[in-house]
Amino acid sequence: MNKDIQKNRDKIDAIDNQIFELLIDRLDAVTTIGYIKKEEGFPVLDQGRENAIYAKIDAKFSAIEADFLKNIYQSVITESKRVEEK
């Protein structure tokens, strides 16, 4: 295999491991928030929070990067709400 391809795949593997850990940390926080929302009677959906996340992405990244990240975060947020509902 091409050395440059393998080098970049190794880099991706290392980055993926970091992403996995961060997503699990995020899951822990989401789970805690879900318990608190249930106890307090708050709804799972917080549209203002979702809008703030997307606005932060738009403000911080180029249009191409923001589109990439927002597509990923749509899944992350959908799954976070699913966890909070449990």
PDB file of N, CA and C in Angstrom:
ATOM      1  N   MET A   1       0.848  -1.184   0.000  1.00  0.00           N
ATOM      2  CA  MET A   1       0.000   0.000   0.000  1.00  0.00           C
ATOM      3  C   MET A   1       0.891   1.244   0.000  1.00  0.00           C
ATOM      4  N   ASN A   2       0.364   2.281  -0.574  1.00  0.00           N
ATOM      5  CA  ASN A   2       1.052   3.558  -0.611  1.00  0.00           C
ATOM      6  C   ASN A   2       1.335   4.029   0.810  1.00  0.00           C
ATOM      7  N   LYS A   3       2.582   4.448   1.060  1.00  0.00           N
ATOM      8  CA  LYS A   3       2.990   4.876   2.410  1.00  0.00           C
ATOM      9  C   LYS A   3       2.196   6.087   2.900  1.00  0.00           C
ATOM     10  N   ASP A   4       1.902   7.014   1.994  1.00  0.00           N
ATOM     11  CA  ASP A   4       1.152   8.209   2.395  1.00  0.00           C
ATOM     12  C   ASP A   4      -0.282   7.851   2.797  1.00  0.00           C
ATOM     13  N   ILE A   5      -0.877   6.913   2.072  1.00  0.00           N
ATOM     14  CA  ILE A   5      -2.229   6.475   2.435  1.00  0.00           C
ATOM     15  C   ILE A   5      -2.201   5.811   3.804  1.00  0.00           C
ATOM     16  N   GLN A   6      -1.253   4.917   4.025  1.00  0.00           N
ATOM     17  CA  GLN A   6      -1.176   4.232   5.309  1.00  0.00           C
ATOM     18  C   GLN A   6      -0.898   5.213   6.448  1.00  0.00           C
ATOM     19  N   LYS A   7      -0.019   6.162   6.208  1.00  0.00           N
ATOM     20  CA  LYS A   7       0.293   7.173   7.228  1.00  0.00           C
ATOM     21  C   LYS A   7      -0.968   7.949   7.616  1.00  0.00           C
ATOM     22  N   ASN A   8      -1.755   8.320   6.623  1.00  0.00           N
ATOM     23  CA  ASN A   8      -2.973   9.076   6.904  1.00  0.00           C
ATOM     24  C   ASN A   8      -4.058   8.208   7.526  1.00  0.00           C
ATOM     25  N   ARG A   9      -4.100   6.942   7.150  1.00  0.00           N
ATOM     26  CA  ARG A   9      -5.051   6.033   7.795  1.00  0.00           C
ATOM     27  C   ARG A   9      -4.685   5.814   9.261  1.00  0.00           C
ATOM     28  N   ASP A  10      -3.400   5.720   9.540  1.00  0.00           N
ATOM     29  CA  ASP A  10      -2.956   5.607  10.937  1.00  0.00           C
ATOM     30  C   ASP A  10      -3.348   6.851  11.725  1.00  0.00           C
ATOM     31  N   LYS A  11      -3.209   8.009  11.081  1.00  0.00           N
ATOM     32  CA  LYS A  11      -3.611   9.266  11.718  1.00  0.00           C
ATOM     33  C   LYS A  11      -5.116   9.258  11.998  1.00  0.00           C
ATOM     34  N   ILE A  12      -5.893   8.807  11.024  1.00  0.00           N
ATOM     35  CA  ILE A  12      -7.345   8.724  11.198  1.00  0.00           C
ATOM     36  C   ILE A  12      -7.696   7.784  12.343  1.00  0.00           C
ATOM     37  N   ASP A  13      -7.016   6.650  12.424  1.00  0.00           N
ATOM     38  CA  ASP A  13      -7.273   5.694  13.507  1.00  0.00           C
ATOM     39  C   ASP A  13      -7.027   6.326  14.872  1.00  0.00           C
ATOM     40  N   ALA A  14      -5.942   7.076  14.994  1.00  0.00           N
ATOM     41  CA  ALA A  14      -5.633   7.743  16.264  1.00  0.00           C
ATOM     42  C   ALA A  14      -6.684   8.798  16.589  1.00  0.00           C
ATOM     43  N   ILE A  15      -7.087   9.560  15.599  1.00  0.00           N
ATOM     44  CA  ILE A  15      -8.121  10.585  15.796  1.00  0.00           C
ATOM     45  C   ILE A  15      -9.443   9.928  16.167  1.00  0.00           C
ATOM     46  N   ASP A  16      -9.795   8.837  15.466  1.00  0.00           N
ATOM     47  CA  ASP A  16     -11.037   8.128  15.782  1.00  0.00           C
ATOM     48  C   ASP A  16     -11.053   7.667  17.238  1.00  0.00           C
ATOM     49  N   ASN A  17      -9.943   7.176  17.735  1.00  0.00           N
ATOM     50  CA  ASN A  17      -9.892   6.754  19.140  1.00  0.00           C
ATOM     51  C   ASN A  17     -10.169   7.920  20.081  1.00  0.00           C
ATOM     52  N   GLN A  18      -9.655   9.093  19.756  1.00  0.00           N
ATOM     53  CA  GLN A  18      -9.931  10.287  20.564  1.00  0.00           C
ATOM     54  C   GLN A  18     -11.407  10.661  20.477  1.00  0.00           C
ATOM     55  N   ILE A  19     -11.964  10.605  19.278  1.00  0.00           N
ATOM     56  CA  ILE A  19     -13.378  10.929  19.081  1.00  0.00           C
ATOM     57  C   ILE A  19     -14.253   9.964  19.874  1.00  0.00           C
ATOM     58  N   PHE A  20     -13.922   8.666  19.831  1.00  0.00           N
ATOM     59  CA  PHE A  20     -14.696   7.671  20.575  1.00  0.00           C
ATOM     60  C   PHE A  20     -14.742   8.028  22.055  1.00  0.00           C
ATOM     61  N   GLU A  21     -13.580   8.349  22.613  1.00  0.00           N
ATOM     62  CA  GLU A  21     -13.512   8.690  24.041  1.00  0.00           C
ATOM     63  C   GLU A  21     -14.329   9.939  24.348  1.00  0.00           C
ATOM     64  N   LEU A  22     -14.218  10.942  23.511  1.00  0.00           N
ATOM     65  CA  LEU A  22     -14.964  12.190  23.729  1.00  0.00           C
ATOM     66  C   LEU A  22     -16.472  11.962  23.606  1.00  0.00           C
ATOM     67  N   LEU A  23     -16.887  11.141  22.659  1.00  0.00           N
ATOM     68  CA  LEU A  23     -18.315  10.860  22.509  1.00  0.00           C
ATOM     69  C   LEU A  23     -18.861  10.088  23.705  1.00  0.00           C
ATOM     70  N   ILE A  24     -18.065   9.197  24.272  1.00  0.00           N
ATOM     71  CA  ILE A  24     -18.497   8.482  25.469  1.00  0.00           C
ATOM     72  C   ILE A  24     -18.580   9.446  26.649  1.00  0.00           C
ATOM     73  N   ASP A  25     -17.633  10.373  26.767  1.00  0.00           N
ATOM     74  CA  ASP A  25     -17.711  11.414  27.806  1.00  0.00           C
ATOM     75  C   ASP A  25     -18.977  12.244  27.621  1.00  0.00           C
ATOM     76  N   ARG A  26     -19.292  12.580  26.364  1.00  0.00           N
ATOM     77  CA  ARG A  26     -20.500  13.352  26.070  1.00  0.00           C
ATOM     78  C   ARG A  26     -21.740  12.540  26.450  1.00  0.00           C
ATOM     79  N   LEU A  27     -21.726  11.237  26.152  1.00  0.00           N
ATOM     80  CA  LEU A  27     -22.836  10.365  26.508  1.00  0.00           C
ATOM     81  C   LEU A  27     -23.076  10.358  28.010  1.00  0.00           C
ATOM     82  N   ASP A  28     -22.010  10.325  28.788  1.00  0.00           N
ATOM     83  CA  ASP A  28     -22.149  10.368  30.249  1.00  0.00           C
ATOM     84  C   ASP A  28     -22.851  11.652  30.694  1.00  0.00           C
ATOM     85  N   ALA A  29     -22.452  12.784  30.111  1.00  0.00           N
ATOM     86  CA  ALA A  29     -23.077  14.063  30.460  1.00  0.00           C
ATOM     87  C   ALA A  29     -24.538  14.090  30.024  1.00  0.00           C
ATOM     88  N   VAL A  30     -24.817  13.575  28.834  1.00  0.00           N
ATOM     89  CA  VAL A  30     -26.189  13.528  28.324  1.00  0.00           C
ATOM     90  C   VAL A  30     -27.064  12.671  29.231  1.00  0.00           C
ATOM     91  N   THR A  31     -26.537  11.530  29.665  1.00  0.00           N
ATOM     92  CA  THR A  31     -27.293  10.648  30.549  1.00  0.00           C
ATOM     93  C   THR A  31     -27.640  11.361  31.846  1.00  0.00           C
ATOM     94  N   THR A  32     -26.688  12.081  32.408  1.00  0.00           N
ATOM     95  CA  THR A  32     -26.930  12.834  33.642  1.00  0.00           C
ATOM     96  C   THR A  32     -27.982  13.908  33.412  1.00  0.00           C
ATOM     97  N   ILE A  33     -27.869  14.616  32.317  1.00  0.00           N
ATOM     98  CA  ILE A  33     -28.858  15.654  31.994  1.00  0.00           C
ATOM     99  C   ILE A  33     -30.245  15.033  31.845  1.00  0.00           C
ATOM    100  N   GLY A  34     -30.319  13.865  31.216  1.00  0.00           N
ATOM    101  CA  GLY A  34     -31.597  13.180  31.060  1.00  0.00           C
ATOM    102  C   GLY A  34     -32.251  12.870  32.393  1.00  0.00           C
ATOM    103  N   TYR A  35     -31.452  12.386  33.351  1.00  0.00           N
ATOM    104  CA  TYR A  35     -31.992  12.117  34.693  1.00  0.00           C
ATOM    105  C   TYR A  35     -32.502  13.399  35.352  1.00  0.00           C
ATOM    106  N   ILE A  36     -31.733  14.455  35.234  1.00  0.00           N
ATOM    107  CA  ILE A  36     -32.129  15.727  35.849  1.00  0.00           C
ATOM    108  C   ILE A  36     -33.416  16.248  35.205  1.00  0.00           C
ATOM    109  N   LYS A  37     -33.494  16.187  33.888  1.00  0.00           N
ATOM    110  CA  LYS A  37     -34.697  16.661  33.205  1.00  0.00           C
ATOM    111  C   LYS A  37     -35.925  15.866  33.641  1.00  0.00           C
ATOM    112  N   LYS A  38     -35.772  14.559  33.795  1.00  0.00           N
ATOM    113  CA  LYS A  38     -36.896  13.737  34.261  1.00  0.00           C
ATOM    114  C   LYS A  38     -37.321  14.141  35.656  1.00  0.00           C
ATOM    115  N   GLU A  39     -36.350  14.301  36.551  1.00  0.00           N
ATOM    116  CA  GLU A  39     -36.649  14.679  37.935  1.00  0.00           C
ATOM    117  C   GLU A  39     -37.319  16.035  38.018  1.00  0.00           C
ATOM    118  N   GLU A  40     -36.881  16.963  37.191  1.00  0.00           N
ATOM    119  CA  GLU A  40     -37.397  18.331  37.225  1.00  0.00           C
ATOM    120  C   GLU A  40     -38.624  18.523  36.331  1.00  0.00           C
ATOM    121  N   GLY A  41     -38.948  17.521  35.535  1.00  0.00           N
ATOM    122  CA  GLY A  41     -40.090  17.627  34.637  1.00  0.00           C
ATOM    123  C   GLY A  41     -39.828  18.479  33.409  1.00  0.00           C
ATOM    124  N   PHE A  42     -38.567  18.620  33.032  1.00  0.00           N
ATOM    125  CA  PHE A  42     -38.213  19.404  31.843  1.00  0.00           C
ATOM    126  C   PHE A  42     -38.359  18.544  30.594  1.00  0.00           C
ATOM    127  N   PRO A  43     -38.705  19.156  29.467  1.00  0.00           N
ATOM    128  CA  PRO A  43     -38.782  18.388  28.224  1.00  0.00           C
ATOM    129  C   PRO A  43     -37.384  18.028  27.715  1.00  0.00           C
ATOM    130  N   VAL A  44     -37.325  16.955  26.970  1.00  0.00           N
ATOM    131  CA  VAL A  44     -36.049  16.544  26.387  1.00  0.00           C
ATOM    132  C   VAL A  44     -35.588  17.573  25.363  1.00  0.00           C
ATOM    133  N   LEU A  45     -36.493  18.015  24.517  1.00  0.00           N
ATOM    134  CA  LEU A  45     -36.142  18.968  23.468  1.00  0.00           C
ATOM    135  C   LEU A  45     -35.836  20.335  24.064  1.00  0.00           C
ATOM    136  N   ASP A  46     -34.666  20.860  23.730  1.00  0.00           N
ATOM    137  CA  ASP A  46     -34.289  22.224  24.083  1.00  0.00           C
ATOM    138  C   ASP A  46     -33.793  22.878  22.797  1.00  0.00           C
ATOM    139  N   GLN A  47     -34.743  23.402  22.035  1.00  0.00           N
ATOM    140  CA  GLN A  47     -34.421  23.943  20.723  1.00  0.00           C
ATOM    141  C   GLN A  47     -33.404  25.066  20.796  1.00  0.00           C
ATOM    142  N   GLY A  48     -33.465  25.864  21.843  1.00  0.00           N
ATOM    143  CA  GLY A  48     -32.497  26.945  22.015  1.00  0.00           C
ATOM    144  C   GLY A  48     -31.078  26.414  22.136  1.00  0.00           C
ATOM    145  N   ARG A  49     -30.915  25.325  22.869  1.00  0.00           N
ATOM    146  CA  ARG A  49     -29.600  24.700  23.026  1.00  0.00           C
ATOM    147  C   ARG A  49     -29.105  24.151  21.689  1.00  0.00           C
ATOM    148  N   GLU A  50     -29.989  23.482  20.965  1.00  0.00           N
ATOM    149  CA  GLU A  50     -29.606  22.963  19.649  1.00  0.00           C
ATOM    150  C   GLU A  50     -29.204  24.103  18.721  1.00  0.00           C
ATOM    151  N   ASN A  51     -30.002  25.155  18.692  1.00  0.00           N
ATOM    152  CA  ASN A  51     -29.684  26.301  17.835  1.00  0.00           C
ATOM    153  C   ASN A  51     -28.348  26.919  18.215  1.00  0.00           C
ATOM    154  N   ALA A  52     -28.052  26.976  19.513  1.00  0.00           N
ATOM    155  CA  ALA A  52     -26.784  27.549  19.976  1.00  0.00           C
ATOM    156  C   ALA A  52     -25.599  26.707  19.502  1.00  0.00           C
ATOM    157  N   ILE A  53     -25.751  25.393  19.505  1.00  0.00           N
ATOM    158  CA  ILE A  53     -24.674  24.517  19.030  1.00  0.00           C
ATOM    159  C   ILE A  53     -24.411  24.771  17.548  1.00  0.00           C
ATOM    160  N   TYR A  54     -25.481  24.817  16.762  1.00  0.00           N
ATOM    161  CA  TYR A  54     -25.307  25.060  15.327  1.00  0.00           C
ATOM    162  C   TYR A  54     -24.752  26.461  15.052  1.00  0.00           C
ATOM    163  N   ALA A  55     -25.178  27.445  15.821  1.00  0.00           N
ATOM    164  CA  ALA A  55     -24.663  28.807  15.654  1.00  0.00           C
ATOM    165  C   ALA A  55     -23.174  28.866  15.993  1.00  0.00           C
ATOM    166  N   LYS A  56     -22.775  28.134  17.031  1.00  0.00           N
ATOM    167  CA  LYS A  56     -21.356  28.089  17.404  1.00  0.00           C
ATOM    168  C   LYS A  56     -20.533  27.485  16.270  1.00  0.00           C
ATOM    169  N   ILE A  57     -21.039  26.441  15.655  1.00  0.00           N
ATOM    170  CA  ILE A  57     -20.347  25.816  14.527  1.00  0.00           C
ATOM    171  C   ILE A  57     -20.239  26.801  13.369  1.00  0.00           C
ATOM    172  N   ASP A  58     -21.354  27.474  13.046  1.00  0.00           N
ATOM    173  CA  ASP A  58     -21.344  28.435  11.944  1.00  0.00           C
ATOM    174  C   ASP A  58     -20.346  29.566  12.186  1.00  0.00           C
ATOM    175  N   ALA A  59     -20.244  30.016  13.431  1.00  0.00           N
ATOM    176  CA  ALA A  59     -19.370  31.140  13.748  1.00  0.00           C
ATOM    177  C   ALA A  59     -17.888  30.755  13.747  1.00  0.00           C
ATOM    178  N   LYS A  60     -17.618  29.512  14.021  1.00  0.00           N
ATOM    179  CA  LYS A  60     -16.232  29.085  14.235  1.00  0.00           C
ATOM    180  C   LYS A  60     -15.562  28.482  13.002  1.00  0.00           C
ATOM    181  N   PHE A  61     -16.347  27.997  12.037  1.00  0.00           N
ATOM    182  CA  PHE A  61     -15.781  27.231  10.937  1.00  0.00           C
ATOM    183  C   PHE A  61     -16.217  27.768   9.577  1.00  0.00           C
ATOM    184  N   SER A  62     -15.442  27.408   8.556  1.00  0.00           N
ATOM    185  CA  SER A  62     -15.799  27.786   7.186  1.00  0.00           C
ATOM    186  C   SER A  62     -17.102  27.082   6.801  1.00  0.00           C
ATOM    187  N   ALA A  63     -17.692  27.501   5.708  1.00  0.00           N
ATOM    188  CA  ALA A  63     -18.967  26.930   5.274  1.00  0.00           C
ATOM    189  C   ALA A  63     -18.852  25.423   5.026  1.00  0.00           C
ATOM    190  N   ILE A  64     -17.777  24.990   4.390  1.00  0.00           N
ATOM    191  CA  ILE A  64     -17.582  23.558   4.116  1.00  0.00           C
ATOM    192  C   ILE A  64     -17.421  22.784   5.411  1.00  0.00           C
ATOM    193  N   GLU A  65     -16.590  23.306   6.316  1.00  0.00           N
ATOM    194  CA  GLU A  65     -16.383  22.644   7.611  1.00  0.00           C
ATOM    195  C   GLU A  65     -17.674  22.625   8.423  1.00  0.00           C
ATOM    196  N   ALA A  66     -18.395  23.756   8.424  1.00  0.00           N
ATOM    197  CA  ALA A  66     -19.641  23.846   9.191  1.00  0.00           C
ATOM    198  C   ALA A  66     -20.672  22.857   8.673  1.00  0.00           C
ATOM    199  N   ASP A  67     -20.785  22.727   7.376  1.00  0.00           N
ATOM    200  CA  ASP A  67     -21.731  21.773   6.796  1.00  0.00           C
ATOM    201  C   ASP A  67     -21.378  20.352   7.233  1.00  0.00           C
ATOM    202  N   PHE A  68     -20.111  20.009   7.174  1.00  0.00           N
ATOM    203  CA  PHE A  68     -19.626  18.696   7.606  1.00  0.00           C
ATOM    204  C   PHE A  68     -19.971  18.451   9.069  1.00  0.00           C
ATOM    205  N   LEU A  69     -19.649  19.411   9.926  1.00  0.00           N
ATOM    206  CA  LEU A  69     -19.874  19.255  11.364  1.00  0.00           C
ATOM    207  C   LEU A  69     -21.358  19.236  11.719  1.00  0.00           C
ATOM    208  N   LYS A  70     -22.144  20.074  11.082  1.00  0.00           N
ATOM    209  CA  LYS A  70     -23.577  20.103  11.396  1.00  0.00           C
ATOM    210  C   LYS A  70     -24.262  18.799  10.996  1.00  0.00           C
ATOM    211  N   ASN A  71     -23.830  18.203   9.900  1.00  0.00           N
ATOM    212  CA  ASN A  71     -24.393  16.902   9.518  1.00  0.00           C
ATOM    213  C   ASN A  71     -24.081  15.851  10.573  1.00  0.00           C
ATOM    214  N   ILE A  72     -22.882  15.871  11.087  1.00  0.00           N
ATOM    215  CA  ILE A  72     -22.502  14.927  12.139  1.00  0.00           C
ATOM    216  C   ILE A  72     -23.268  15.236  13.421  1.00  0.00           C
ATOM    217  N   TYR A  73     -23.345  16.514  13.773  1.00  0.00           N
ATOM    218  CA  TYR A  73     -24.016  16.888  15.020  1.00  0.00           C
ATOM    219  C   TYR A  73     -25.516  16.624  14.979  1.00  0.00           C
ATOM    220  N   GLN A  74     -26.120  16.616  13.814  1.00  0.00           N
ATOM    221  CA  GLN A  74     -27.533  16.242  13.739  1.00  0.00           C
ATOM    222  C   GLN A  74     -27.712  14.827  14.282  1.00  0.00           C
ATOM    223  N   SER A  75     -26.817  13.943  13.917  1.00  0.00           N
ATOM    224  CA  SER A  75     -26.884  12.563  14.436  1.00  0.00           C
ATOM    225  C   SER A  75     -26.560  12.521  15.920  1.00  0.00           C
ATOM    226  N   VAL A  76     -25.549  13.254  16.327  1.00  0.00           N
ATOM    227  CA  VAL A  76     -25.166  13.276  17.743  1.00  0.00           C
ATOM    228  C   VAL A  76     -26.320  13.797  18.593  1.00  0.00           C
ATOM    229  N   ILE A  77     -26.952  14.860  18.168  1.00  0.00           N
ATOM    230  CA  ILE A  77     -28.054  15.447  18.930  1.00  0.00           C
ATOM    231  C   ILE A  77     -29.271  14.519  18.924  1.00  0.00           C
ATOM    232  N   THR A  78     -29.573  13.912  17.786  1.00  0.00           N
ATOM    233  CA  THR A  78     -30.693  12.964  17.721  1.00  0.00           C
ATOM    234  C   THR A  78     -30.475  11.816  18.697  1.00  0.00           C
ATOM    235  N   GLU A  79     -29.273  11.260  18.714  1.00  0.00           N
ATOM    236  CA  GLU A  79     -28.979  10.160  19.623  1.00  0.00           C
ATOM    237  C   GLU A  79     -28.964  10.626  21.076  1.00  0.00           C
ATOM    238  N   SER A  80     -28.517  11.844  21.315  1.00  0.00           N
ATOM    239  CA  SER A  80     -28.521  12.386  22.673  1.00  0.00           C
ATOM    240  C   SER A  80     -29.939  12.508  23.207  1.00  0.00           C
ATOM    241  N   LYS A  81     -30.858  12.979  22.368  1.00  0.00           N
ATOM    242  CA  LYS A  81     -32.257  13.084  22.785  1.00  0.00           C
ATOM    243  C   LYS A  81     -32.851  11.699  23.043  1.00  0.00           C
ATOM    244  N   ARG A  82     -32.476  10.731  22.229  1.00  0.00           N
ATOM    245  CA  ARG A  82     -32.959   9.362  22.430  1.00  0.00           C
ATOM    246  C   ARG A  82     -32.493   8.825  23.790  1.00  0.00           C
ATOM    247  N   VAL A  83     -31.245   9.104  24.146  1.00  0.00           N
ATOM    248  CA  VAL A  83     -30.716   8.663  25.437  1.00  0.00           C
ATOM    249  C   VAL A  83     -31.425   9.389  26.570  1.00  0.00           C
ATOM    250  N   GLU A  84     -31.646  10.691  26.422  1.00  0.00           N
ATOM    251  CA  GLU A  84     -32.322  11.466  27.469  1.00  0.00           C
ATOM    252  C   GLU A  84     -33.740  10.972  27.717  1.00  0.00           C
ATOM    253  N   GLU A  85     -34.384  10.455  26.685  1.00  0.00           N
ATOM    254  CA  GLU A  85     -35.767   9.987  26.824  1.00  0.00           C
ATOM    255  C   GLU A  85     -35.886   8.691  27.597  1.00  0.00           C
ATOM    256  N   LYS A  86     -34.794   7.967  27.739  1.00  0.00           N
ATOM    257  CA  LYS A  86     -34.833   6.671  28.447  1.00  0.00           C
ATOM    258  C   LYS A  86     -34.963   6.835  29.943  1.00  0.00           C
TER     259      LYS A  86
END
